[in-house]
Amino acid sequence: MGWRPSRSRAREFAETMRKIEEFCEKNNISRSASSDSYYFTINGEDYRVSNHTQKASDRGMYRNGEKVRESYHRKADGTYEYDRQHEITAGKTRIIEIYTALSEGKRLDKRGYVIA
């Protein structure tokens, strides 16, 4: 049997996710089916916050050199679906922090941390 979080940790995580869902609904933030990528617009700029990059996701198209699925992100012409988006690689538990910082006009690095 593998590692499992304690009941209190599991409850904490469930509460955090409930708050994130409420926040996302209130701020018109959409998410992927797996809830690991979030999409929103602030001041006319589009953002994607995910625990993986689009390129990393596309590496999963192949298994043992054989193509097993289509790209989730590439268009027919080879460009990325979200080329005009700012891509931030961070876990979903940081979405509120990242959205709030961007709303306040702060500049963030590719990992979602404020640039001084």
Protein backbone atom coordinates (compact mmCIF):
# COMPACT_ATOMS: atom_id res chain seq x y z
CA MET A 1 0.00 0.00 0.00
CA GLY A 2 1.36 3.44 -0.97
CA TRP A 3 1.48 6.69 0.91
CA ARG A 4 -1.87 8.28 1.70
CA PRO A 5 -2.55 11.68 3.23
CA SER A 6 -3.94 11.84 6.72
CA ARG A 7 -7.65 12.51 7.07
CA SER A 8 -6.95 16.04 8.25
CA ARG A 9 -4.69 16.72 5.23
CA ALA A 10 -7.32 15.28 2.89
CA ARG A 11 -9.97 17.55 4.48
CA GLU A 12 -7.66 20.58 4.18
CA PHE A 13 -7.07 19.86 0.50
CA ALA A 14 -10.79 19.37 -0.14
CA GLU A 15 -11.51 22.73 1.54
CA THR A 16 -8.77 24.43 -0.48
CA MET A 17 -10.23 23.02 -3.70
CA ARG A 18 -13.73 24.17 -2.69
CA LYS A 19 -12.39 27.71 -2.19
CA ILE A 20 -10.59 27.56 -5.54
CA GLU A 21 -13.76 26.42 -7.32
CA GLU A 22 -15.75 29.27 -5.76
CA PHE A 23 -13.04 31.78 -6.64
CA CYS A 24 -12.86 30.54 -10.23
CA GLU A 25 -16.61 30.72 -10.66
CA LYS A 26 -16.73 34.25 -9.22
CA ASN A 27 -13.88 35.45 -11.48
CA ASN A 28 -14.87 33.67 -14.70
CA ILE A 29 -11.82 31.39 -14.68
CA SER A 30 -12.28 28.27 -16.77
CA ARG A 31 -10.40 25.03 -16.27
CA SER A 32 -9.51 21.85 -18.09
CA ALA A 33 -11.47 18.64 -17.55
CA SER A 34 -8.72 17.36 -15.23
CA SER A 35 -8.61 20.68 -13.30
CA ASP A 36 -4.87 21.02 -13.79
CA SER A 37 -5.01 23.95 -16.25
CA TYR A 38 -6.82 27.25 -15.69
CA TYR A 39 -7.64 29.95 -18.27
CA PHE A 40 -8.60 33.59 -17.75
CA THR A 41 -8.29 37.13 -19.12
CA ILE A 42 -7.17 40.20 -17.18
CA ASN A 43 -6.93 43.64 -18.83
CA GLY A 44 -7.20 42.09 -22.30
CA GLU A 45 -4.34 39.64 -21.67
CA ASP A 46 -5.01 35.90 -21.79
CA TYR A 47 -3.38 33.60 -19.25
CA ARG A 48 -2.96 29.85 -18.85
CA VAL A 49 -1.89 28.57 -15.43
CA SER A 50 -1.06 24.88 -15.33
CA ASN A 51 1.12 22.39 -13.53
CA HIS A 52 2.66 21.53 -16.92
CA THR A 53 3.57 23.37 -20.10
CA GLN A 54 1.80 22.82 -23.39
CA LYS A 55 4.98 21.31 -24.81
CA ALA A 56 5.25 18.87 -21.89
CA SER A 57 1.66 17.84 -22.46
CA ASP A 58 2.38 17.16 -26.10
CA ARG A 59 5.27 14.84 -25.20
CA GLY A 60 2.54 12.49 -23.96
CA MET A 61 1.31 12.07 -27.53
CA TYR A 62 3.93 9.36 -28.05
CA ARG A 63 4.60 6.13 -26.19
CA ASN A 64 7.63 4.06 -27.19
CA GLY A 65 7.97 6.17 -30.35
CA GLU A 66 4.39 5.50 -31.44
CA LYS A 67 1.76 8.24 -31.60
CA VAL A 68 -1.06 7.38 -29.19
CA ARG A 69 -3.15 10.56 -29.32
CA GLU A 70 -3.46 13.92 -30.99
CA SER A 71 -2.08 17.13 -29.49
CA TYR A 72 -4.31 18.87 -26.98
CA HIS A 73 -2.65 22.17 -27.87
CA ARG A 74 -1.39 22.27 -31.46
CA LYS A 75 -3.46 23.49 -34.37
CA ALA A 76 -3.28 21.92 -37.84
CA ASP A 77 -0.63 24.45 -38.93
CA GLY A 78 1.69 23.38 -36.07
CA THR A 79 1.28 26.53 -33.97
CA TYR A 80 0.11 26.24 -30.40
CA GLU A 81 -3.57 26.83 -29.70
CA TYR A 82 -2.69 29.27 -26.93
CA ASP A 83 0.31 31.04 -28.50
CA ARG A 84 -1.10 34.42 -27.58
CA GLN A 85 -1.56 33.44 -23.95
CA HIS A 86 0.87 34.05 -21.17
CA GLU A 87 1.79 30.60 -19.91
CA ILE A 88 2.48 30.25 -16.18
CA THR A 89 3.62 26.90 -14.82
CA ALA A 90 2.32 26.49 -11.28
CA GLY A 91 0.13 24.14 -9.27
CA LYS A 92 -3.60 24.67 -9.01
CA THR A 93 -3.45 25.58 -5.33
CA ARG A 94 -1.70 28.84 -6.35
CA ILE A 95 -4.39 30.03 -8.81
CA ILE A 96 -5.93 32.53 -6.34
CA GLU A 97 -2.52 34.00 -5.48
CA ILE A 98 -1.55 34.31 -9.16
CA TYR A 99 -4.87 35.76 -10.33
CA THR A 100 -4.87 38.29 -7.48
CA ALA A 101 -1.30 39.43 -8.19
CA LEU A 102 -2.07 39.89 -11.90
CA SER A 103 -5.28 41.77 -11.03
CA GLU A 104 -3.20 44.13 -8.91
CA GLY A 105 -0.99 44.84 -11.92
CA LYS A 106 2.03 42.92 -10.68
CA ARG A 107 4.40 41.27 -13.17
CA LEU A 108 5.00 37.57 -12.70
CA ASP A 109 7.69 35.22 -13.92
CA LYS A 110 6.94 31.96 -15.79
CA ARG A 111 6.45 30.15 -12.45
CA GLY A 112 3.90 32.69 -11.17
CA TYR A 113 6.11 34.54 -8.71
CA VAL A 114 6.11 38.34 -8.47
CA ILE A 115 9.04 40.00 -10.23
CA ALA A 116 10.52 42.69 -7.98
